[in-house]
Amino acid sequence: MKSIKKIISYTFRFSAEGTLYGLIVSLFYNFSNKSSAYYPSGPSFTTKFANPLSAMTVSVILWALMGLIFGFGSFVFAIRQWSLLKKTIVSFIIYYIGFTPLAFLAGWFSLNIVNFMIFTGLFILIYVTIWFIRSYQVIREIREINNKIKKK
């Protein structure tokens, strides 16, 4: 029963985080493009719906699903028996396979080979950048812990 409560808690947390990040990114996109109206995704995405409320509702669902993919996908890094390389590769595959169709449905890129390759390149660049930043943070934390141990 406790594990079901944890899963439900994680589900709410990850979907809320995904929705929050999606909203922040969409607001940034709208302000940077000096939009006079709010678009939860690109204007071409919004025009596919009968009204803006429907577009927003679908966007919130997509953002929540993105949050679930990245949230639950991060659990790969808790598997102690796996090497860091294996964790990195498996998490990348989970994120990429889970996120790509959602990004397409959100209208972030149109389905043609050039846009797909650009999306893939950006995804890899962002993933590698975040991975290096996080690795640096972990290395720094380990050094701090080791220094505290040496002082005792």
N, C-alpha and C. Protein backbone atom coordinates (compact mmCIF):
# COMPACT_ATOMS: atom_id res chain seq x y z
N MET A 1 0.82 -1.20 0.00
CA MET A 1 0.00 0.00 0.00
C MET A 1 0.86 1.26 0.00
N LYS A 2 1.99 1.18 0.74
CA LYS A 2 2.88 2.33 0.81
C LYS A 2 3.47 2.66 -0.56
N SER A 3 3.81 1.61 -1.33
CA SER A 3 4.42 1.85 -2.64
C SER A 3 3.41 2.44 -3.62
N ILE A 4 2.14 2.08 -3.50
CA ILE A 4 1.11 2.66 -4.36
C ILE A 4 0.96 4.15 -4.05
N LYS A 5 1.00 4.49 -2.76
CA LYS A 5 0.92 5.90 -2.37
C LYS A 5 2.11 6.68 -2.92
N LYS A 6 3.29 6.05 -2.89
CA LYS A 6 4.49 6.70 -3.42
C LYS A 6 4.35 6.94 -4.92
N ILE A 7 3.86 5.93 -5.63
CA ILE A 7 3.69 6.06 -7.08
C ILE A 7 2.69 7.16 -7.40
N ILE A 8 1.59 7.20 -6.66
CA ILE A 8 0.59 8.25 -6.87
C ILE A 8 1.19 9.62 -6.57
N SER A 9 1.95 9.70 -5.49
CA SER A 9 2.60 10.96 -5.13
C SER A 9 3.57 11.41 -6.22
N TYR A 10 4.41 10.48 -6.69
CA TYR A 10 5.34 10.81 -7.78
C TYR A 10 4.59 11.22 -9.04
N THR A 11 3.49 10.54 -9.33
CA THR A 11 2.72 10.86 -10.53
C THR A 11 2.20 12.29 -10.47
N PHE A 12 1.64 12.68 -9.34
CA PHE A 12 1.16 14.06 -9.19
C PHE A 12 2.31 15.05 -9.26
N ARG A 13 3.40 14.73 -8.58
CA ARG A 13 4.54 15.64 -8.55
C ARG A 13 5.14 15.83 -9.94
N PHE A 14 5.41 14.72 -10.62
CA PHE A 14 6.05 14.81 -11.94
C PHE A 14 5.15 15.48 -12.97
N SER A 15 3.85 15.17 -12.93
CA SER A 15 2.95 15.79 -13.89
C SER A 15 2.80 17.29 -13.60
N ALA A 16 2.79 17.66 -12.33
CA ALA A 16 2.72 19.08 -11.96
C ALA A 16 3.99 19.81 -12.40
N GLU A 17 5.15 19.18 -12.19
CA GLU A 17 6.41 19.80 -12.62
C GLU A 17 6.45 19.96 -14.13
N GLY A 18 6.01 18.94 -14.86
CA GLY A 18 5.98 19.02 -16.32
C GLY A 18 5.07 20.14 -16.79
N THR A 19 3.92 20.27 -16.15
CA THR A 19 2.98 21.33 -16.50
C THR A 19 3.57 22.70 -16.20
N LEU A 20 4.22 22.83 -15.05
CA LEU A 20 4.85 24.10 -14.69
C LEU A 20 5.94 24.47 -15.68
N TYR A 21 6.84 23.53 -15.99
CA TYR A 21 7.91 23.81 -16.95
C TYR A 21 7.34 24.15 -18.32
N GLY A 22 6.31 23.42 -18.75
CA GLY A 22 5.68 23.70 -20.04
C GLY A 22 5.10 25.10 -20.08
N LEU A 23 4.45 25.50 -19.00
CA LEU A 23 3.86 26.83 -18.93
C LEU A 23 4.95 27.91 -18.96
N ILE A 24 6.02 27.69 -18.21
CA ILE A 24 7.12 28.66 -18.19
C ILE A 24 7.75 28.80 -19.57
N VAL A 25 8.01 27.68 -20.23
CA VAL A 25 8.61 27.71 -21.57
C VAL A 25 7.66 28.40 -22.55
N SER A 26 6.37 28.09 -22.46
CA SER A 26 5.41 28.71 -23.39
C SER A 26 5.31 30.22 -23.15
N LEU A 27 5.35 30.65 -21.90
CA LEU A 27 5.33 32.08 -21.61
C LEU A 27 6.59 32.76 -22.15
N PHE A 28 7.74 32.12 -21.94
CA PHE A 28 8.99 32.65 -22.47
C PHE A 28 8.91 32.77 -23.99
N TYR A 29 8.40 31.72 -24.64
CA TYR A 29 8.26 31.71 -26.10
C TYR A 29 7.37 32.87 -26.54
N ASN A 30 6.24 33.06 -25.88
CA ASN A 30 5.31 34.12 -26.26
C ASN A 30 5.90 35.51 -26.05
N PHE A 31 6.56 35.72 -24.91
CA PHE A 31 7.17 37.02 -24.66
C PHE A 31 8.32 37.30 -25.62
N SER A 32 9.15 36.29 -25.89
CA SER A 32 10.29 36.49 -26.78
C SER A 32 9.85 36.75 -28.22
N ASN A 33 8.69 36.23 -28.61
CA ASN A 33 8.16 36.49 -29.95
C ASN A 33 7.21 37.69 -29.99
N LYS A 34 7.10 38.37 -28.86
CA LYS A 34 6.25 39.56 -28.73
C LYS A 34 4.83 39.30 -29.21
N SER A 35 4.30 38.14 -28.79
CA SER A 35 2.94 37.77 -29.18
C SER A 35 1.93 38.68 -28.50
N SER A 36 0.89 39.02 -29.23
CA SER A 36 -0.18 39.83 -28.63
C SER A 36 -1.22 38.94 -27.95
N ALA A 37 -1.19 37.65 -28.28
CA ALA A 37 -2.08 36.67 -27.65
C ALA A 37 -1.22 35.52 -27.14
N TYR A 38 -1.75 34.79 -26.17
CA TYR A 38 -1.00 33.65 -25.61
C TYR A 38 -1.24 32.40 -26.45
N TYR A 39 -0.16 31.73 -26.81
CA TYR A 39 -0.22 30.45 -27.51
C TYR A 39 0.50 29.41 -26.65
N PRO A 40 -0.18 28.34 -26.26
CA PRO A 40 0.48 27.33 -25.43
C PRO A 40 1.60 26.61 -26.17
N SER A 41 1.52 26.62 -27.49
CA SER A 41 2.57 26.11 -28.36
C SER A 41 2.59 27.08 -29.54
N GLY A 42 3.16 26.68 -30.65
CA GLY A 42 3.17 27.57 -31.80
C GLY A 42 1.76 27.87 -32.29
N PRO A 43 1.59 29.00 -32.98
CA PRO A 43 0.26 29.35 -33.50
C PRO A 43 -0.35 28.27 -34.39
N SER A 44 0.48 27.55 -35.14
CA SER A 44 -0.05 26.49 -36.01
C SER A 44 -0.67 25.36 -35.18
N PHE A 45 -0.14 25.13 -33.98
CA PHE A 45 -0.71 24.12 -33.08
C PHE A 45 -2.09 24.56 -32.61
N THR A 46 -2.19 25.80 -32.21
CA THR A 46 -3.44 26.33 -31.66
C THR A 46 -4.55 26.34 -32.71
N THR A 47 -4.20 26.58 -33.97
CA THR A 47 -5.22 26.64 -35.02
C THR A 47 -5.84 25.27 -35.31
N LYS A 48 -5.25 24.21 -34.82
CA LYS A 48 -5.80 22.87 -35.03
C LYS A 48 -7.00 22.58 -34.13
N PHE A 49 -7.29 23.49 -33.22
CA PHE A 49 -8.35 23.27 -32.24
C PHE A 49 -9.51 24.24 -32.46
N ALA A 50 -10.67 23.84 -31.98
CA ALA A 50 -11.88 24.65 -32.16
C ALA A 50 -11.79 25.97 -31.41
N ASN A 51 -11.06 25.96 -30.28
CA ASN A 51 -10.93 27.19 -29.50
C ASN A 51 -9.63 27.13 -28.69
N PRO A 52 -9.17 28.28 -28.20
CA PRO A 52 -7.92 28.31 -27.43
C PRO A 52 -7.95 27.45 -26.16
N LEU A 53 -9.11 27.33 -25.54
CA LEU A 53 -9.21 26.52 -24.33
C LEU A 53 -8.88 25.05 -24.62
N SER A 54 -9.34 24.55 -25.74
CA SER A 54 -9.02 23.17 -26.12
C SER A 54 -7.53 23.01 -26.36
N ALA A 55 -6.91 23.98 -27.02
CA ALA A 55 -5.47 23.93 -27.27
C ALA A 55 -4.70 23.95 -25.95
N MET A 56 -5.14 24.77 -25.03
CA MET A 56 -4.49 24.84 -23.72
C MET A 56 -4.65 23.54 -22.96
N THR A 57 -5.83 22.95 -23.00
CA THR A 57 -6.08 21.69 -22.29
C THR A 57 -5.18 20.59 -22.82
N VAL A 58 -5.08 20.48 -24.13
CA VAL A 58 -4.21 19.46 -24.73
C VAL A 58 -2.76 19.74 -24.36
N SER A 59 -2.36 21.00 -24.37
CA SER A 59 -0.99 21.36 -23.99
C SER A 59 -0.68 20.95 -22.56
N VAL A 60 -1.60 21.21 -21.65
CA VAL A 60 -1.40 20.83 -20.25
C VAL A 60 -1.24 19.31 -20.13
N ILE A 61 -2.04 18.56 -20.86
CA ILE A 61 -1.93 17.10 -20.83
C ILE A 61 -0.57 16.66 -21.37
N LEU A 62 -0.14 17.25 -22.48
CA LEU A 62 1.16 16.90 -23.05
C LEU A 62 2.30 17.26 -22.10
N TRP A 63 2.23 18.44 -21.48
CA TRP A 63 3.26 18.85 -20.53
C TRP A 63 3.31 17.91 -19.33
N ALA A 64 2.14 17.51 -18.85
CA ALA A 64 2.09 16.57 -17.72
C ALA A 64 2.72 15.24 -18.11
N LEU A 65 2.42 14.75 -19.30
CA LEU A 65 3.03 13.50 -19.77
C LEU A 65 4.54 13.63 -19.90
N MET A 66 5.01 14.79 -20.36
CA MET A 66 6.45 15.03 -20.44
C MET A 66 7.07 14.97 -19.04
N GLY A 67 6.40 15.57 -18.09
CA GLY A 67 6.89 15.53 -16.71
C GLY A 67 6.97 14.11 -16.19
N LEU A 68 5.97 13.29 -16.52
CA LEU A 68 5.99 11.88 -16.09
C LEU A 68 7.15 11.12 -16.72
N ILE A 69 7.41 11.36 -17.99
CA ILE A 69 8.51 10.66 -18.67
C ILE A 69 9.85 11.02 -18.03
N PHE A 70 10.09 12.31 -17.85
CA PHE A 70 11.37 12.72 -17.29
C PHE A 70 11.48 12.37 -15.80
N GLY A 71 10.38 12.47 -15.09
CA GLY A 71 10.40 12.13 -13.66
C GLY A 71 10.65 10.66 -13.42
N PHE A 72 9.81 9.81 -14.00
CA PHE A 72 9.99 8.37 -13.79
C PHE A 72 11.25 7.86 -14.50
N GLY A 73 11.62 8.49 -15.61
CA GLY A 73 12.85 8.10 -16.30
C GLY A 73 14.09 8.33 -15.46
N SER A 74 14.03 9.30 -14.57
CA SER A 74 15.19 9.59 -13.72
C SER A 74 15.46 8.48 -12.71
N PHE A 75 14.47 7.62 -12.47
CA PHE A 75 14.67 6.51 -11.53
C PHE A 75 15.73 5.53 -12.02
N VAL A 76 16.05 5.58 -13.29
CA VAL A 76 17.11 4.72 -13.84
C VAL A 76 18.41 4.97 -13.08
N PHE A 77 18.64 6.21 -12.68
CA PHE A 77 19.89 6.55 -12.00
C PHE A 77 19.95 6.02 -10.57
N ALA A 78 18.85 5.48 -10.07
CA ALA A 78 18.85 4.89 -8.72
C ALA A 78 19.21 3.41 -8.73
N ILE A 79 19.39 2.83 -9.90
CA ILE A 79 19.72 1.41 -10.00
C ILE A 79 21.22 1.25 -9.72
N ARG A 80 21.54 0.75 -8.56
CA ARG A 80 22.94 0.69 -8.11
C ARG A 80 23.79 -0.33 -8.86
N GLN A 81 23.15 -1.37 -9.38
CA GLN A 81 23.91 -2.43 -10.04
C GLN A 81 24.42 -2.01 -11.42
N TRP A 82 23.88 -0.96 -11.99
CA TRP A 82 24.25 -0.53 -13.33
C TRP A 82 25.41 0.46 -13.29
N SER A 83 26.20 0.44 -14.33
CA SER A 83 27.28 1.43 -14.47
C SER A 83 26.67 2.77 -14.87
N LEU A 84 27.44 3.82 -14.69
CA LEU A 84 26.97 5.15 -15.07
C LEU A 84 26.70 5.21 -16.57
N LEU A 85 27.53 4.55 -17.35
CA LEU A 85 27.34 4.53 -18.80
C LEU A 85 26.00 3.89 -19.16
N LYS A 86 25.70 2.75 -18.56
CA LYS A 86 24.44 2.06 -18.84
C LYS A 86 23.24 2.92 -18.41
N LYS A 87 23.34 3.53 -17.24
CA LYS A 87 22.26 4.40 -16.76
C LYS A 87 22.04 5.56 -17.74
N THR A 88 23.13 6.14 -18.20
CA THR A 88 23.05 7.28 -19.12
C THR A 88 22.40 6.88 -20.43
N ILE A 89 22.83 5.75 -20.99
CA ILE A 89 22.28 5.30 -22.27
C ILE A 89 20.80 4.94 -22.13
N VAL A 90 20.45 4.20 -21.09
CA VAL A 90 19.05 3.79 -20.90
C VAL A 90 18.16 5.02 -20.65
N SER A 91 18.62 5.95 -19.82
CA SER A 91 17.80 7.14 -19.56
C SER A 91 17.64 7.96 -20.84
N PHE A 92 18.71 8.08 -21.61
CA PHE A 92 18.62 8.82 -22.88
C PHE A 92 17.56 8.19 -23.79
N ILE A 93 17.58 6.87 -23.90
CA ILE A 93 16.62 6.17 -24.76
C ILE A 93 15.19 6.38 -24.26
N ILE A 94 15.00 6.25 -22.95
CA ILE A 94 13.66 6.46 -22.37
C ILE A 94 13.18 7.88 -22.66
N TYR A 95 14.03 8.86 -22.38
CA TYR A 95 13.65 10.25 -22.59
C TYR A 95 13.36 10.53 -24.06
N TYR A 96 14.25 10.08 -24.92
CA TYR A 96 14.11 10.38 -26.35
C TYR A 96 12.86 9.72 -26.93
N ILE A 97 12.68 8.43 -26.66
CA ILE A 97 11.52 7.71 -27.20
C ILE A 97 10.22 8.23 -26.60
N GLY A 98 10.24 8.60 -25.34
CA GLY A 98 9.03 9.13 -24.70
C GLY A 98 8.72 10.57 -25.07
N PHE A 99 9.76 11.38 -25.17
CA PHE A 99 9.58 12.81 -25.38
C PHE A 99 9.31 13.18 -26.83
N THR A 100 9.96 12.50 -27.76
CA THR A 100 9.87 12.87 -29.17
C THR A 100 8.43 12.89 -29.69
N PRO A 101 7.63 11.84 -29.48
CA PRO A 101 6.25 11.92 -29.98
C PRO A 101 5.43 13.02 -29.31
N LEU A 102 5.70 13.27 -28.04
CA LEU A 102 4.98 14.34 -27.34
C LEU A 102 5.36 15.71 -27.90
N ALA A 103 6.64 15.90 -28.19
CA ALA A 103 7.09 17.16 -28.78
C ALA A 103 6.46 17.36 -30.16
N PHE A 104 6.36 16.28 -30.92
CA PHE A 104 5.70 16.36 -32.23
C PHE A 104 4.23 16.72 -32.07
N LEU A 105 3.54 16.03 -31.15
CA LEU A 105 2.12 16.31 -30.91
C LEU A 105 1.90 17.74 -30.41
N ALA A 106 2.88 18.26 -29.67
CA ALA A 106 2.79 19.63 -29.17
C ALA A 106 3.08 20.66 -30.26
N GLY A 107 3.45 20.19 -31.44
CA GLY A 107 3.70 21.10 -32.54
C GLY A 107 5.05 21.77 -32.50
N TRP A 108 6.00 21.18 -31.78
CA TRP A 108 7.32 21.79 -31.65
C TRP A 108 8.18 21.58 -32.88
N PHE A 109 7.85 20.59 -33.68
CA PHE A 109 8.51 20.41 -34.97
C PHE A 109 7.55 19.67 -35.88
N SER A 110 7.67 19.96 -37.18
CA SER A 110 6.82 19.26 -38.14
C SER A 110 7.52 17.97 -38.58
N LEU A 111 6.74 17.04 -39.03
CA LEU A 111 7.27 15.72 -39.34
C LEU A 111 7.88 15.69 -40.74
N ASN A 112 9.14 16.09 -40.80
CA ASN A 112 9.96 15.88 -41.99
C ASN A 112 11.38 15.61 -41.52
N ILE A 113 12.18 15.05 -42.37
CA ILE A 113 13.51 14.56 -41.96
C ILE A 113 14.41 15.68 -41.45
N VAL A 114 14.36 16.84 -42.08
CA VAL A 114 15.23 17.95 -41.66
C VAL A 114 14.87 18.41 -40.25
N ASN A 115 13.60 18.67 -40.01
CA ASN A 115 13.17 19.11 -38.68
C ASN A 115 13.41 18.03 -37.63
N PHE A 116 13.20 16.78 -38.01
CA PHE A 116 13.44 15.67 -37.09
C PHE A 116 14.92 15.60 -36.71
N MET A 117 15.80 15.80 -37.67
CA MET A 117 17.24 15.77 -37.39
C MET A 117 17.65 16.97 -36.52
N ILE A 118 17.08 18.13 -36.80
CA ILE A 118 17.37 19.30 -35.97
C ILE A 118 16.90 19.06 -34.54
N PHE A 119 15.69 18.55 -34.40
CA PHE A 119 15.16 18.23 -33.07
C PHE A 119 16.08 17.24 -32.36
N THR A 120 16.49 16.19 -33.06
CA THR A 120 17.36 15.17 -32.47
C THR A 120 18.69 15.77 -32.05
N GLY A 121 19.27 16.60 -32.90
CA GLY A 121 20.53 17.26 -32.56
C GLY A 121 20.40 18.14 -31.32
N LEU A 122 19.34 18.92 -31.26
CA LEU A 122 19.11 19.77 -30.09
C LEU A 122 18.87 18.94 -28.84
N PHE A 123 18.13 17.86 -28.98
CA PHE A 123 17.86 16.98 -27.85
C PHE A 123 19.17 16.42 -27.30
N ILE A 124 20.02 15.93 -28.20
CA ILE A 124 21.32 15.37 -27.78
C ILE A 124 22.16 16.45 -27.11
N LEU A 125 22.22 17.62 -27.70
CA LEU A 125 23.01 18.73 -27.14
C LEU A 125 22.52 19.10 -25.73
N ILE A 126 21.23 19.22 -25.56
CA ILE A 126 20.67 19.57 -24.26
C ILE A 126 20.92 18.45 -23.25
N TYR A 127 20.72 17.20 -23.67
CA TYR A 127 20.93 16.06 -22.77
C TYR A 127 22.39 16.02 -22.30
N VAL A 128 23.32 16.14 -23.23
CA VAL A 128 24.75 16.08 -22.89
C VAL A 128 25.13 17.25 -21.99
N THR A 129 24.62 18.43 -22.28
CA THR A 129 24.92 19.60 -21.45
C THR A 129 24.43 19.40 -20.02
N ILE A 130 23.19 18.96 -19.87
CA ILE A 130 22.65 18.71 -18.53
C ILE A 130 23.43 17.61 -17.84
N TRP A 131 23.80 16.57 -18.58
CA TRP A 131 24.56 15.46 -17.99
C TRP A 131 25.90 15.95 -17.46
N PHE A 132 26.62 16.79 -18.23
CA PHE A 132 27.91 17.31 -17.77
C PHE A 132 27.75 18.23 -16.57
N ILE A 133 26.75 19.08 -16.58
CA ILE A 133 26.51 19.96 -15.44
C ILE A 133 26.23 19.14 -14.19
N ARG A 134 25.36 18.16 -14.32
CA ARG A 134 25.01 17.32 -13.17
C ARG A 134 26.22 16.51 -12.69
N SER A 135 27.01 15.99 -13.62
CA SER A 135 28.21 15.24 -13.24
C SER A 135 29.18 16.12 -12.48
N TYR A 136 29.36 17.36 -12.93
CA TYR A 136 30.24 18.29 -12.25
C TYR A 136 29.74 18.56 -10.83
N GLN A 137 28.42 18.72 -10.68
CA GLN A 137 27.85 18.96 -9.35
C GLN A 137 28.10 17.77 -8.42
N VAL A 138 27.93 16.57 -8.94
CA VAL A 138 28.15 15.37 -8.12
C VAL A 138 29.62 15.26 -7.73
N ILE A 139 30.52 15.51 -8.66
CA ILE A 139 31.95 15.45 -8.36
C ILE A 139 32.30 16.47 -7.28
N ARG A 140 31.74 17.66 -7.38
CA ARG A 140 32.00 18.70 -6.38
C ARG A 140 31.47 18.29 -5.00
N GLU A 141 30.27 17.68 -4.97
CA GLU A 141 29.71 17.21 -3.70
C GLU A 141 30.58 16.12 -3.09
N ILE A 142 31.07 15.21 -3.91
CA ILE A 142 31.94 14.13 -3.42
C ILE A 142 33.22 14.71 -2.84
N ARG A 143 33.81 15.70 -3.50
CA ARG A 143 35.02 16.35 -2.99
C ARG A 143 34.77 17.01 -1.64
N GLU A 144 33.62 17.68 -1.52
CA GLU A 144 33.28 18.32 -0.25
C GLU A 144 33.13 17.30 0.87
N ILE A 145 32.48 16.19 0.57
CA ILE A 145 32.32 15.12 1.57
C ILE A 145 33.68 14.55 1.95
N ASN A 146 34.52 14.30 0.96
CA ASN A 146 35.86 13.77 1.24
C ASN A 146 36.68 14.74 2.08
N ASN A 147 36.58 16.03 1.80
CA ASN A 147 37.30 17.03 2.59
C ASN A 147 36.81 17.06 4.03
N LYS A 148 35.51 16.90 4.24
CA LYS A 148 34.97 16.86 5.60
C LYS A 148 35.46 15.62 6.34
N ILE A 149 35.55 14.51 5.63
CA ILE A 149 36.04 13.27 6.24
C ILE A 149 37.51 13.41 6.61
N LYS A 150 38.31 14.03 5.75
CA LYS A 150 39.73 14.21 6.02
C LYS A 150 39.97 15.11 7.23
N LYS A 151 39.10 16.09 7.45
CA LYS A 151 39.25 17.01 8.56
C LYS A 151 38.98 16.34 9.90
N LYS A 152 38.21 15.26 9.90
CA LYS A 152 37.89 14.56 11.15
C LYS A 152 39.02 13.71 11.52
